[in-house]
Amino acid sequence: MGPTRSVRLPQALDAWFSERLERQRERSPSELLVMLVHGGLRLREGYMAIHRRVLEHYVVTRQSDVYRAYVRCLLDTFGAEYVDHLERWLAAEGVAGPSETQEPAAR
């Protein structure tokens, strides 16, 4: 009969779930669903690097308010340790945080 999918979920979620069921056979489907929900519905590999590049863009373009709003969203979704890691990563690459780039961006 073939695989059954929910018509109420986006296909990307089904693809994520099916891929992990195949790759991580030692985990139960329930455990994978908890990972999906707890993980903020992260569907793309490399999401941390994506967040780091976005934060760097806001620092470089001196958009302090937007940077802080983005960080608040990351805190809500991923927690303080995640944000601390991203900010340490930026600092290690010489990207100063928004407290050191107070001037507004030129328009």
PDB file of N, CA and C in Angstrom:
ATOM      1  N   MET A   1       0.820  -1.203   0.000  1.00  0.00           N
ATOM      2  CA  MET A   1       0.000   0.000   0.000  1.00  0.00           C
ATOM      3  C   MET A   1       0.860   1.262   0.000  1.00  0.00           C
ATOM      4  N   GLY A   2       2.096   1.173   0.441  1.00  0.00           N
ATOM      5  CA  GLY A   2       2.968   2.346   0.431  1.00  0.00           C
ATOM      6  C   GLY A   2       2.851   3.168   1.696  1.00  0.00           C
ATOM      7  N   PRO A   3       3.722   4.176   1.833  1.00  0.00           N
ATOM      8  CA  PRO A   3       3.711   5.002   3.040  1.00  0.00           C
ATOM      9  C   PRO A   3       2.457   5.868   3.125  1.00  0.00           C
ATOM     10  N   THR A   4       2.021   6.088   4.326  1.00  0.00           N
ATOM     11  CA  THR A   4       0.859   6.940   4.577  1.00  0.00           C
ATOM     12  C   THR A   4       1.368   8.257   5.137  1.00  0.00           C
ATOM     13  N   ARG A   5       0.833   9.347   4.678  1.00  0.00           N
ATOM     14  CA  ARG A   5       1.228  10.637   5.216  1.00  0.00           C
ATOM     15  C   ARG A   5      -0.016  11.401   5.656  1.00  0.00           C
ATOM     16  N   SER A   6       0.185  12.270   6.628  1.00  0.00           N
ATOM     17  CA  SER A   6      -0.904  13.106   7.095  1.00  0.00           C
ATOM     18  C   SER A   6      -1.142  14.218   6.085  1.00  0.00           C
ATOM     19  N   VAL A   7      -2.380  14.463   5.767  1.00  0.00           N
ATOM     20  CA  VAL A   7      -2.678  15.554   4.842  1.00  0.00           C
ATOM     21  C   VAL A   7      -2.696  16.899   5.571  1.00  0.00           C
ATOM     22  N   ARG A   8      -2.559  16.864   6.881  1.00  0.00           N
ATOM     23  CA  ARG A   8      -2.590  18.107   7.653  1.00  0.00           C
ATOM     24  C   ARG A   8      -1.201  18.681   7.899  1.00  0.00           C
ATOM     25  N   LEU A   9      -0.147  17.929   7.615  1.00  0.00           N
ATOM     26  CA  LEU A   9       1.218  18.401   7.845  1.00  0.00           C
ATOM     27  C   LEU A   9       1.895  18.728   6.523  1.00  0.00           C
ATOM     28  N   PRO A  10       2.753  19.729   6.522  1.00  0.00           N
ATOM     29  CA  PRO A  10       3.508  20.023   5.298  1.00  0.00           C
ATOM     30  C   PRO A  10       4.390  18.836   4.911  1.00  0.00           C
ATOM     31  N   GLN A  11       4.628  18.683   3.640  1.00  0.00           N
ATOM     32  CA  GLN A  11       5.455  17.576   3.170  1.00  0.00           C
ATOM     33  C   GLN A  11       6.865  17.653   3.741  1.00  0.00           C
ATOM     34  N   ALA A  12       7.375  18.859   4.018  1.00  0.00           N
ATOM     35  CA  ALA A  12       8.719  18.983   4.595  1.00  0.00           C
ATOM     36  C   ALA A  12       8.803  18.266   5.939  1.00  0.00           C
ATOM     37  N   LEU A  13       7.727  18.338   6.737  1.00  0.00           N
ATOM     38  CA  LEU A  13       7.724  17.635   8.020  1.00  0.00           C
ATOM     39  C   LEU A  13       7.707  16.129   7.820  1.00  0.00           C
ATOM     40  N   ASP A  14       6.915  15.691   6.864  1.00  0.00           N
ATOM     41  CA  ASP A  14       6.886  14.260   6.561  1.00  0.00           C
ATOM     42  C   ASP A  14       8.257  13.781   6.093  1.00  0.00           C
ATOM     43  N   ALA A  15       8.906  14.576   5.239  1.00  0.00           N
ATOM     44  CA  ALA A  15      10.230  14.201   4.735  1.00  0.00           C
ATOM     45  C   ALA A  15      11.230  14.136   5.878  1.00  0.00           C
ATOM     46  N   TRP A  16      11.186  15.127   6.774  1.00  0.00           N
ATOM     47  CA  TRP A  16      12.079  15.147   7.940  1.00  0.00           C
ATOM     48  C   TRP A  16      11.870  13.886   8.776  1.00  0.00           C
ATOM     49  N   PHE A  17      10.622  13.579   9.054  1.00  0.00           N
ATOM     50  CA  PHE A  17      10.293  12.439   9.898  1.00  0.00           C
ATOM     51  C   PHE A  17      10.702  11.127   9.231  1.00  0.00           C
ATOM     52  N   SER A  18      10.369  10.970   7.961  1.00  0.00           N
ATOM     53  CA  SER A  18      10.721   9.739   7.242  1.00  0.00           C
ATOM     54  C   SER A  18      12.227   9.538   7.171  1.00  0.00           C
ATOM     55  N   GLU A  19      12.947  10.608   6.907  1.00  0.00           N
ATOM     56  CA  GLU A  19      14.407  10.519   6.822  1.00  0.00           C
ATOM     57  C   GLU A  19      15.002  10.066   8.156  1.00  0.00           C
ATOM     58  N   ARG A  20      14.523  10.638   9.234  1.00  0.00           N
ATOM     59  CA  ARG A  20      15.064  10.265  10.543  1.00  0.00           C
ATOM     60  C   ARG A  20      14.649   8.857  10.960  1.00  0.00           C
ATOM     61  N   LEU A  21      13.463   8.450  10.589  1.00  0.00           N
ATOM     62  CA  LEU A  21      13.056   7.068  10.866  1.00  0.00           C
ATOM     63  C   LEU A  21      14.013   6.099  10.184  1.00  0.00           C
ATOM     64  N   GLU A  22      14.409   6.452   8.966  1.00  0.00           N
ATOM     65  CA  GLU A  22      15.316   5.591   8.203  1.00  0.00           C
ATOM     66  C   GLU A  22      16.740   5.640   8.757  1.00  0.00           C
ATOM     67  N   ARG A  23      17.223   6.836   9.058  1.00  0.00           N
ATOM     68  CA  ARG A  23      18.611   7.010   9.503  1.00  0.00           C
ATOM     69  C   ARG A  23      18.837   6.597  10.951  1.00  0.00           C
ATOM     70  N   GLN A  24      17.843   6.767  11.782  1.00  0.00           N
ATOM     71  CA  GLN A  24      18.006   6.532  13.220  1.00  0.00           C
ATOM     72  C   GLN A  24      17.052   5.431  13.676  1.00  0.00           C
ATOM     73  N   ARG A  25      17.250   4.264  13.152  1.00  0.00           N
ATOM     74  CA  ARG A  25      16.351   3.129  13.434  1.00  0.00           C
ATOM     75  C   ARG A  25      16.319   2.750  14.910  1.00  0.00           C
ATOM     76  N   GLU A  26      17.367   3.114  15.645  1.00  0.00           N
ATOM     77  CA  GLU A  26      17.408   2.763  17.066  1.00  0.00           C
ATOM     78  C   GLU A  26      16.454   3.618  17.906  1.00  0.00           C
ATOM     79  N   ARG A  27      15.970   4.711  17.344  1.00  0.00           N
ATOM     80  CA  ARG A  27      15.037   5.587  18.070  1.00  0.00           C
ATOM     81  C   ARG A  27      13.599   5.240  17.707  1.00  0.00           C
ATOM     82  N   SER A  28      12.728   5.427  18.684  1.00  0.00           N
ATOM     83  CA  SER A  28      11.309   5.175  18.430  1.00  0.00           C
ATOM     84  C   SER A  28      10.706   6.370  17.689  1.00  0.00           C
ATOM     85  N   PRO A  29       9.621   6.150  16.966  1.00  0.00           N
ATOM     86  CA  PRO A  29       8.947   7.275  16.310  1.00  0.00           C
ATOM     87  C   PRO A  29       8.523   8.357  17.309  1.00  0.00           C
ATOM     88  N   SER A  30       8.105   7.945  18.498  1.00  0.00           N
ATOM     89  CA  SER A  30       7.712   8.932  19.513  1.00  0.00           C
ATOM     90  C   SER A  30       8.889   9.820  19.904  1.00  0.00           C
ATOM     91  N   GLU A  31      10.051   9.214  20.074  1.00  0.00           N
ATOM     92  CA  GLU A  31      11.246   9.979  20.433  1.00  0.00           C
ATOM     93  C   GLU A  31      11.595  10.982  19.329  1.00  0.00           C
ATOM     94  N   LEU A  32      11.468  10.559  18.090  1.00  0.00           N
ATOM     95  CA  LEU A  32      11.749  11.466  16.976  1.00  0.00           C
ATOM     96  C   LEU A  32      10.749  12.618  16.923  1.00  0.00           C
ATOM     97  N   LEU A  33       9.490  12.336  17.206  1.00  0.00           N
ATOM     98  CA  LEU A  33       8.490  13.404  17.223  1.00  0.00           C
ATOM     99  C   LEU A  33       8.760  14.399  18.340  1.00  0.00           C
ATOM    100  N   VAL A  34       9.195  13.916  19.487  1.00  0.00           N
ATOM    101  CA  VAL A  34       9.562  14.822  20.588  1.00  0.00           C
ATOM    102  C   VAL A  34      10.730  15.694  20.159  1.00  0.00           C
ATOM    103  N   MET A  35      11.728  15.100  19.486  1.00  0.00           N
ATOM    104  CA  MET A  35      12.859  15.881  18.977  1.00  0.00           C
ATOM    105  C   MET A  35      12.373  16.969  18.030  1.00  0.00           C
ATOM    106  N   LEU A  36      11.417  16.632  17.182  1.00  0.00           N
ATOM    107  CA  LEU A  36      10.884  17.583  16.217  1.00  0.00           C
ATOM    108  C   LEU A  36      10.246  18.773  16.926  1.00  0.00           C
ATOM    109  N   VAL A  37       9.382  18.493  17.877  1.00  0.00           N
ATOM    110  CA  VAL A  37       8.682  19.554  18.592  1.00  0.00           C
ATOM    111  C   VAL A  37       9.644  20.346  19.470  1.00  0.00           C
ATOM    112  N   HIS A  38      10.461  19.642  20.251  1.00  0.00           N
ATOM    113  CA  HIS A  38      11.388  20.302  21.163  1.00  0.00           C
ATOM    114  C   HIS A  38      12.437  21.101  20.407  1.00  0.00           C
ATOM    115  N   GLY A  39      12.799  20.643  19.240  1.00  0.00           N
ATOM    116  CA  GLY A  39      13.833  21.312  18.465  1.00  0.00           C
ATOM    117  C   GLY A  39      13.360  22.506  17.673  1.00  0.00           C
ATOM    118  N   GLY A  40      12.164  22.957  17.890  1.00  0.00           N
ATOM    119  CA  GLY A  40      11.687  24.144  17.200  1.00  0.00           C
ATOM    120  C   GLY A  40      11.432  23.910  15.721  1.00  0.00           C
ATOM    121  N   LEU A  41      11.110  22.666  15.360  1.00  0.00           N
ATOM    122  CA  LEU A  41      10.795  22.317  13.980  1.00  0.00           C
ATOM    123  C   LEU A  41      11.937  22.659  13.023  1.00  0.00           C
ATOM    124  N   ARG A  42      13.151  22.369  13.456  1.00  0.00           N
ATOM    125  CA  ARG A  42      14.321  22.614  12.604  1.00  0.00           C
ATOM    126  C   ARG A  42      14.339  21.563  11.499  1.00  0.00           C
ATOM    127  N   LEU A  43      14.234  21.998  10.267  1.00  0.00           N
ATOM    128  CA  LEU A  43      14.179  21.072   9.148  1.00  0.00           C
ATOM    129  C   LEU A  43      15.446  21.106   8.307  1.00  0.00           C
ATOM    130  N   ARG A  44      16.291  22.103   8.497  1.00  0.00           N
ATOM    131  CA  ARG A  44      17.477  22.231   7.663  1.00  0.00           C
ATOM    132  C   ARG A  44      18.720  21.910   8.455  1.00  0.00           C
ATOM    133  N   GLU A  45      19.608  21.141   7.847  1.00  0.00           N
ATOM    134  CA  GLU A  45      20.905  20.911   8.457  1.00  0.00           C
ATOM    135  C   GLU A  45      21.660  22.232   8.421  1.00  0.00           C
ATOM    136  N   GLY A  46      22.513  22.459   9.387  1.00  0.00           N
ATOM    137  CA  GLY A  46      23.318  23.675   9.405  1.00  0.00           C
ATOM    138  C   GLY A  46      22.577  24.896   9.904  1.00  0.00           C
ATOM    139  N   TYR A  47      21.484  24.701  10.645  1.00  0.00           N
ATOM    140  CA  TYR A  47      20.694  25.839  11.112  1.00  0.00           C
ATOM    141  C   TYR A  47      21.510  26.779  11.985  1.00  0.00           C
ATOM    142  N   MET A  48      22.469  26.252  12.777  1.00  0.00           N
ATOM    143  CA  MET A  48      23.250  27.117  13.653  1.00  0.00           C
ATOM    144  C   MET A  48      24.121  28.074  12.831  1.00  0.00           C
ATOM    145  N   ALA A  49      24.721  27.581  11.774  1.00  0.00           N
ATOM    146  CA  ALA A  49      25.530  28.442  10.910  1.00  0.00           C
ATOM    147  C   ALA A  49      24.657  29.511  10.241  1.00  0.00           C
ATOM    148  N   ILE A  50      23.436  29.146   9.912  1.00  0.00           N
ATOM    149  CA  ILE A  50      22.509  30.119   9.322  1.00  0.00           C
ATOM    150  C   ILE A  50      22.221  31.226  10.334  1.00  0.00           C
ATOM    151  N   HIS A  51      21.934  30.865  11.574  1.00  0.00           N
ATOM    152  CA  HIS A  51      21.666  31.867  12.607  1.00  0.00           C
ATOM    153  C   HIS A  51      22.892  32.740  12.843  1.00  0.00           C
ATOM    154  N   ARG A  52      24.079  32.136  12.838  1.00  0.00           N
ATOM    155  CA  ARG A  52      25.306  32.891  13.054  1.00  0.00           C
ATOM    156  C   ARG A  52      25.498  33.932  11.946  1.00  0.00           C
ATOM    157  N   ARG A  53      25.248  33.532  10.690  1.00  0.00           N
ATOM    158  CA  ARG A  53      25.405  34.474   9.571  1.00  0.00           C
ATOM    159  C   ARG A  53      24.391  35.610   9.659  1.00  0.00           C
ATOM    160  N   VAL A  54      23.181  35.304  10.076  1.00  0.00           N
ATOM    161  CA  VAL A  54      22.166  36.351  10.221  1.00  0.00           C
ATOM    162  C   VAL A  54      22.590  37.341  11.294  1.00  0.00           C
ATOM    163  N   LEU A  55      23.051  36.823  12.439  1.00  0.00           N
ATOM    164  CA  LEU A  55      23.506  37.718  13.505  1.00  0.00           C
ATOM    165  C   LEU A  55      24.684  38.571  13.042  1.00  0.00           C
ATOM    166  N   GLU A  56      25.617  37.966  12.322  1.00  0.00           N
ATOM    167  CA  GLU A  56      26.763  38.727  11.808  1.00  0.00           C
ATOM    168  C   GLU A  56      26.287  39.840  10.882  1.00  0.00           C
ATOM    169  N   HIS A  57      25.333  39.536  10.016  1.00  0.00           N
ATOM    170  CA  HIS A  57      24.794  40.548   9.101  1.00  0.00           C
ATOM    171  C   HIS A  57      24.243  41.737   9.891  1.00  0.00           C
ATOM    172  N   TYR A  58      23.493  41.456  10.954  1.00  0.00           N
ATOM    173  CA  TYR A  58      22.915  42.548  11.743  1.00  0.00           C
ATOM    174  C   TYR A  58      23.988  43.356  12.464  1.00  0.00           C
ATOM    175  N   VAL A  59      25.071  42.713  12.866  1.00  0.00           N
ATOM    176  CA  VAL A  59      26.173  43.442  13.499  1.00  0.00           C
ATOM    177  C   VAL A  59      26.871  44.315  12.460  1.00  0.00           C
ATOM    178  N   VAL A  60      27.225  43.725  11.325  1.00  0.00           N
ATOM    179  CA  VAL A  60      27.965  44.439  10.285  1.00  0.00           C
ATOM    180  C   VAL A  60      27.162  45.624   9.745  1.00  0.00           C
ATOM    181  N   THR A  61      25.862  45.448   9.611  1.00  0.00           N
ATOM    182  CA  THR A  61      25.010  46.523   9.099  1.00  0.00           C
ATOM    183  C   THR A  61      24.504  47.432  10.218  1.00  0.00           C
ATOM    184  N   ARG A  62      24.995  47.195  11.412  1.00  0.00           N
ATOM    185  CA  ARG A  62      24.698  48.027  12.595  1.00  0.00           C
ATOM    186  C   ARG A  62      23.200  48.141  12.883  1.00  0.00           C
ATOM    187  N   GLN A  63      22.508  47.024  12.778  1.00  0.00           N
ATOM    188  CA  GLN A  63      21.079  46.964  13.090  1.00  0.00           C
ATOM    189  C   GLN A  63      20.899  46.367  14.488  1.00  0.00           C
ATOM    190  N   SER A  64      21.294  47.113  15.496  1.00  0.00           N
ATOM    191  CA  SER A  64      21.290  46.616  16.872  1.00  0.00           C
ATOM    192  C   SER A  64      19.915  46.168  17.343  1.00  0.00           C
ATOM    193  N   ASP A  65      18.891  46.944  17.022  1.00  0.00           N
ATOM    194  CA  ASP A  65      17.538  46.587  17.474  1.00  0.00           C
ATOM    195  C   ASP A  65      17.072  45.282  16.846  1.00  0.00           C
ATOM    196  N   VAL A  66      17.352  45.108  15.552  1.00  0.00           N
ATOM    197  CA  VAL A  66      16.956  43.884  14.863  1.00  0.00           C
ATOM    198  C   VAL A  66      17.751  42.701  15.416  1.00  0.00           C
ATOM    199  N   TYR A  67      19.042  42.920  15.676  1.00  0.00           N
ATOM    200  CA  TYR A  67      19.885  41.878  16.275  1.00  0.00           C
ATOM    201  C   TYR A  67      19.280  41.420  17.601  1.00  0.00           C
ATOM    202  N   ARG A  68      18.947  42.368  18.446  1.00  0.00           N
ATOM    203  CA  ARG A  68      18.396  42.020  19.770  1.00  0.00           C
ATOM    204  C   ARG A  68      17.053  41.300  19.649  1.00  0.00           C
ATOM    205  N   ALA A  69      16.214  41.707  18.705  1.00  0.00           N
ATOM    206  CA  ALA A  69      14.928  41.028  18.500  1.00  0.00           C
ATOM    207  C   ALA A  69      15.160  39.598  18.032  1.00  0.00           C
ATOM    208  N   TYR A  70      16.118  39.405  17.141  1.00  0.00           N
ATOM    209  CA  TYR A  70      16.438  38.061  16.640  1.00  0.00           C
ATOM    210  C   TYR A  70      16.954  37.190  17.778  1.00  0.00           C
ATOM    211  N   VAL A  71      17.823  37.768  18.620  1.00  0.00           N
ATOM    212  CA  VAL A  71      18.359  37.029  19.770  1.00  0.00           C
ATOM    213  C   VAL A  71      17.229  36.624  20.714  1.00  0.00           C
ATOM    214  N   ARG A  72      16.252  37.512  20.932  1.00  0.00           N
ATOM    215  CA  ARG A  72      15.118  37.161  21.803  1.00  0.00           C
ATOM    216  C   ARG A  72      14.355  35.965  21.243  1.00  0.00           C
ATOM    217  N   CYS A  73      14.173  35.930  19.930  1.00  0.00           N
ATOM    218  CA  CYS A  73      13.495  34.783  19.308  1.00  0.00           C
ATOM    219  C   CYS A  73      14.320  33.508  19.479  1.00  0.00           C
ATOM    220  N   LEU A  74      15.625  33.613  19.299  1.00  0.00           N
ATOM    221  CA  LEU A  74      16.492  32.445  19.488  1.00  0.00           C
ATOM    222  C   LEU A  74      16.447  31.960  20.932  1.00  0.00           C
ATOM    223  N   LEU A  75      16.422  32.897  21.876  1.00  0.00           N
ATOM    224  CA  LEU A  75      16.330  32.521  23.295  1.00  0.00           C
ATOM    225  C   LEU A  75      15.051  31.751  23.562  1.00  0.00           C
ATOM    226  N   ASP A  76      13.942  32.233  23.021  1.00  0.00           N
ATOM    227  CA  ASP A  76      12.651  31.560  23.222  1.00  0.00           C
ATOM    228  C   ASP A  76      12.651  30.151  22.645  1.00  0.00           C
ATOM    229  N   THR A  77      13.272  29.992  21.485  1.00  0.00           N
ATOM    230  CA  THR A  77      13.224  28.713  20.792  1.00  0.00           C
ATOM    231  C   THR A  77      14.297  27.744  21.243  1.00  0.00           C
ATOM    232  N   PHE A  78      15.535  28.234  21.407  1.00  0.00           N
ATOM    233  CA  PHE A  78      16.674  27.344  21.627  1.00  0.00           C
ATOM    234  C   PHE A  78      17.306  27.455  23.008  1.00  0.00           C
ATOM    235  N   GLY A  79      17.066  28.554  23.725  1.00  0.00           N
ATOM    236  CA  GLY A  79      17.613  28.702  25.063  1.00  0.00           C
ATOM    237  C   GLY A  79      18.898  29.522  25.111  1.00  0.00           C
ATOM    238  N   ALA A  80      19.275  29.879  26.339  1.00  0.00           N
ATOM    239  CA  ALA A  80      20.411  30.771  26.571  1.00  0.00           C
ATOM    240  C   ALA A  80      21.743  30.159  26.155  1.00  0.00           C
ATOM    241  N   GLU A  81      21.934  28.865  26.384  1.00  0.00           N
ATOM    242  CA  GLU A  81      23.213  28.240  26.030  1.00  0.00           C
ATOM    243  C   GLU A  81      23.452  28.310  24.528  1.00  0.00           C
ATOM    244  N   TYR A  82      22.418  28.133  23.758  1.00  0.00           N
ATOM    245  CA  TYR A  82      22.527  28.207  22.304  1.00  0.00           C
ATOM    246  C   TYR A  82      22.960  29.604  21.873  1.00  0.00           C
ATOM    247  N   VAL A  83      22.297  30.624  22.420  1.00  0.00           N
ATOM    248  CA  VAL A  83      22.624  32.006  22.067  1.00  0.00           C
ATOM    249  C   VAL A  83      24.036  32.349  22.535  1.00  0.00           C
ATOM    250  N   ASP A  84      24.399  31.922  23.732  1.00  0.00           N
ATOM    251  CA  ASP A  84      25.761  32.159  24.220  1.00  0.00           C
ATOM    252  C   ASP A  84      26.790  31.551  23.280  1.00  0.00           C
ATOM    253  N   HIS A  85      26.514  30.342  22.819  1.00  0.00           N
ATOM    254  CA  HIS A  85      27.431  29.675  21.890  1.00  0.00           C
ATOM    255  C   HIS A  85      27.571  30.493  20.602  1.00  0.00           C
ATOM    256  N   LEU A  86      26.452  30.951  20.031  1.00  0.00           N
ATOM    257  CA  LEU A  86      26.502  31.755  18.814  1.00  0.00           C
ATOM    258  C   LEU A  86      27.304  33.036  19.020  1.00  0.00           C
ATOM    259  N   GLU A  87      27.084  33.698  20.146  1.00  0.00           N
ATOM    260  CA  GLU A  87      27.781  34.957  20.391  1.00  0.00           C
ATOM    261  C   GLU A  87      29.274  34.731  20.659  1.00  0.00           C
ATOM    262  N   ARG A  88      29.624  33.612  21.286  1.00  0.00           N
ATOM    263  CA  ARG A  88      31.047  33.284  21.455  1.00  0.00           C
ATOM    264  C   ARG A  88      31.676  32.977  20.100  1.00  0.00           C
ATOM    265  N   TRP A  89      30.937  32.310  19.239  1.00  0.00           N
ATOM    266  CA  TRP A  89      31.402  31.993  17.896  1.00  0.00           C
ATOM    267  C   TRP A  89      31.689  33.291  17.124  1.00  0.00           C
ATOM    268  N   LEU A  90      30.758  34.235  17.191  1.00  0.00           N
ATOM    269  CA  LEU A  90      30.969  35.524  16.532  1.00  0.00           C
ATOM    270  C   LEU A  90      32.205  36.235  17.098  1.00  0.00           C
ATOM    271  N   ALA A  91      32.308  36.274  18.422  1.00  0.00           N
ATOM    272  CA  ALA A  91      33.439  36.954  19.068  1.00  0.00           C
ATOM    273  C   ALA A  91      34.763  36.302  18.670  1.00  0.00           C
ATOM    274  N   ALA A  92      34.776  34.975  18.601  1.00  0.00           N
ATOM    275  CA  ALA A  92      36.000  34.260  18.230  1.00  0.00           C
ATOM    276  C   ALA A  92      36.442  34.598  16.807  1.00  0.00           C
ATOM    277  N   GLU A  93      35.487  34.998  15.962  1.00  0.00           N
ATOM    278  CA  GLU A  93      35.812  35.375  14.591  1.00  0.00           C
ATOM    279  C   GLU A  93      35.962  36.883  14.438  1.00  0.00           C
ATOM    280  N   GLY A  94      36.022  37.594  15.579  1.00  0.00           N
ATOM    281  CA  GLY A  94      36.265  39.034  15.545  1.00  0.00           C
ATOM    282  C   GLY A  94      35.062  39.887  15.219  1.00  0.00           C
ATOM    283  N   VAL A  95      33.871  39.341  15.350  1.00  0.00           N
ATOM    284  CA  VAL A  95      32.649  40.109  15.089  1.00  0.00           C
ATOM    285  C   VAL A  95      32.148  40.649  16.422  1.00  0.00           C
ATOM    286  N   ALA A  96      32.214  41.978  16.561  1.00  0.00           N
ATOM    287  CA  ALA A  96      31.814  42.629  17.816  1.00  0.00           C
ATOM    288  C   ALA A  96      30.302  42.585  17.967  1.00  0.00           C
ATOM    289  N   GLY A  97      29.843  42.369  19.195  1.00  0.00           N
ATOM    290  CA  GLY A  97      28.405  42.341  19.472  1.00  0.00           C
ATOM    291  C   GLY A  97      27.775  43.709  19.329  1.00  0.00           C
ATOM    292  N   PRO A  98      26.454  43.815  19.404  1.00  0.00           N
ATOM    293  CA  PRO A  98      25.767  45.091  19.186  1.00  0.00           C
ATOM    294  C   PRO A  98      26.089  46.148  20.227  1.00  0.00           C
ATOM    295  N   SER A  99      26.507  45.733  21.411  1.00  0.00           N
ATOM    296  CA  SER A  99      26.840  46.746  22.423  1.00  0.00           C
ATOM    297  C   SER A  99      28.050  47.565  21.994  1.00  0.00           C
ATOM    298  N   GLU A 100      28.859  46.982  21.083  1.00  0.00           N
ATOM    299  CA  GLU A 100      30.037  47.677  20.592  1.00  0.00           C
ATOM    300  C   GLU A 100      29.793  48.345  19.248  1.00  0.00           C
ATOM    301  N   THR A 101      28.588  48.224  18.728  1.00  0.00           N
ATOM    302  CA  THR A 101      28.231  48.860  17.454  1.00  0.00           C
ATOM    303  C   THR A 101      26.926  49.617  17.625  1.00  0.00           C
ATOM    304  N   GLN A 102      26.967  50.620  18.466  1.00  0.00           N
ATOM    305  CA  GLN A 102      25.761  51.352  18.835  1.00  0.00           C
ATOM    306  C   GLN A 102      25.232  52.270  17.746  1.00  0.00           C
ATOM    307  N   GLU A 103      26.094  52.723  16.810  1.00  0.00           N
ATOM    308  CA  GLU A 103      25.661  53.677  15.807  1.00  0.00           C
ATOM    309  C   GLU A 103      24.642  53.048  14.869  1.00  0.00           C
ATOM    310  N   PRO A 104      23.605  53.796  14.502  1.00  0.00           N
ATOM    311  CA  PRO A 104      22.637  53.248  13.542  1.00  0.00           C
ATOM    312  C   PRO A 104      23.256  53.118  12.158  1.00  0.00           C
ATOM    313  N   ALA A 105      22.703  52.224  11.360  1.00  0.00           N
ATOM    314  CA  ALA A 105      23.201  52.014  10.007  1.00  0.00           C
ATOM    315  C   ALA A 105      22.901  53.234   9.148  1.00  0.00           C
ATOM    316  N   ALA A 106      23.798  53.510   8.219  1.00  0.00           N
ATOM    317  CA  ALA A 106      23.560  54.612   7.276  1.00  0.00           C
ATOM    318  C   ALA A 106      22.439  54.213   6.332  1.00  0.00           C
ATOM    319  N   ARG A 107      21.589  55.140   6.004  1.00  0.00           N
ATOM    320  CA  ARG A 107      20.444  54.831   5.128  1.00  0.00           C
ATOM    321  C   ARG A 107      20.667  55.365   3.754  1.00  0.00           C
TER     322      ARG A 107
END
